[in-house]
């Protein structure tokens, strides 16, 4: 039995277009922050461009003023158990 290698590390910031493409492809749950305040509940990314990211609830968030992170190990366990 082979263990699947994780695509992202815990609490890894998504910065590059490649990061966003992988997050979309693998339906990676993310948290979005602006000035240390979480903007939306944990969700997945639907699409992105150079200026914004659209999350699965339809909200558009500006890339230059927000930070996007993968979940911690504890948050991931709680999110997948729902």
Protein backbone atom coordinates (compact mmCIF):
# COMPACT_ATOMS: atom_id res chain seq x y z
CA UNK A 1 0.00 0.00 0.00
CA UNK A 2 1.50 3.35 -1.02
CA UNK A 3 0.77 6.49 0.88
CA UNK A 4 -0.37 9.38 -1.31
CA UNK A 5 1.92 12.39 -1.04
CA UNK A 6 0.20 15.54 0.15
CA UNK A 7 -0.08 18.26 -2.48
CA UNK A 8 0.04 21.09 0.04
CA UNK A 9 1.52 21.37 3.50
CA UNK A 10 -0.52 22.35 6.53
CA UNK A 11 -1.27 26.10 6.65
CA UNK A 12 0.54 26.65 3.32
CA UNK A 13 -0.16 29.99 1.67
CA UNK A 14 -1.42 29.86 -1.92
CA UNK A 15 0.57 32.47 -3.84
CA UNK A 16 1.18 31.41 -7.42
CA UNK A 17 -1.22 30.64 -10.24
CA UNK A 18 0.05 27.06 -10.08
CA UNK A 19 -0.99 26.87 -6.40
CA UNK A 20 -4.49 28.05 -7.28
CA UNK A 21 -4.73 25.62 -10.21
CA UNK A 22 -3.79 22.68 -7.97
CA UNK A 23 -6.23 23.80 -5.28
CA UNK A 24 -9.05 23.90 -7.83
CA UNK A 25 -8.08 20.57 -9.42
CA UNK A 26 -7.91 18.74 -6.08
CA UNK A 27 -10.79 20.64 -4.41
CA UNK A 28 -8.45 21.69 -1.61
CA UNK A 29 -10.33 23.35 1.28
CA UNK A 30 -8.91 26.79 2.03
CA UNK A 31 -9.24 29.64 4.50
CA UNK A 32 -9.19 33.25 3.34
CA UNK A 33 -7.81 36.02 5.53
CA UNK A 34 -7.48 39.78 5.35
CA UNK A 35 -5.43 41.42 8.11
CA UNK A 36 -5.59 38.27 10.30
CA UNK A 37 -9.40 38.15 10.07
CA UNK A 38 -11.01 35.20 8.29
CA UNK A 39 -13.28 36.48 5.55
CA UNK A 40 -15.41 33.40 4.81
CA UNK A 41 -15.95 29.91 6.20
CA UNK A 42 -13.66 27.11 5.01
CA UNK A 43 -14.42 26.45 1.35
CA UNK A 44 -12.92 25.51 -2.00
CA UNK A 45 -11.86 27.72 -4.91
CA UNK A 46 -14.01 27.78 -8.03
CA UNK A 47 -11.87 30.03 -10.27
CA UNK A 48 -9.21 32.72 -10.22
CA UNK A 49 -7.53 35.35 -12.36
CA UNK A 50 -4.67 37.81 -11.86
CA UNK A 51 -6.77 40.06 -9.63
CA UNK A 52 -9.37 37.95 -7.86
CA UNK A 53 -10.41 34.51 -6.63
CA UNK A 54 -13.97 33.19 -6.74
CA UNK A 55 -14.78 30.70 -4.01
CA UNK A 56 -17.43 28.00 -4.14
CA UNK A 57 -20.18 30.11 -2.54
CA UNK A 58 -19.84 32.63 -5.39
CA UNK A 59 -17.99 35.30 -3.41
CA UNK A 60 -15.19 37.11 -5.25
CA UNK A 61 -12.15 38.02 -3.16
CA UNK A 62 -9.29 40.28 -4.29
CA UNK A 63 -5.93 38.50 -4.43
CA UNK A 64 -3.75 41.52 -3.63
CA UNK A 65 -5.48 42.33 -0.32
CA UNK A 66 -6.17 38.80 0.92
CA UNK A 67 -4.21 35.68 1.82
CA UNK A 68 -5.31 32.14 1.06
CA UNK A 69 -4.14 29.20 3.20
CA UNK A 70 -4.65 25.46 3.27
CA UNK A 71 -5.99 23.98 6.49
CA UNK A 72 -3.99 22.87 9.50
CA UNK A 73 -3.98 19.12 10.22
CA UNK A 74 -6.58 19.59 12.98
CA UNK A 75 -8.85 21.75 10.81
CA UNK A 76 -8.54 19.29 7.91
CA UNK A 77 -9.58 16.37 10.14
CA UNK A 78 -12.60 18.32 11.41
CA UNK A 79 -13.53 19.50 7.89
CA UNK A 80 -13.37 16.01 6.33
CA UNK A 81 -15.37 14.44 9.18
CA UNK A 82 -18.41 16.64 8.43
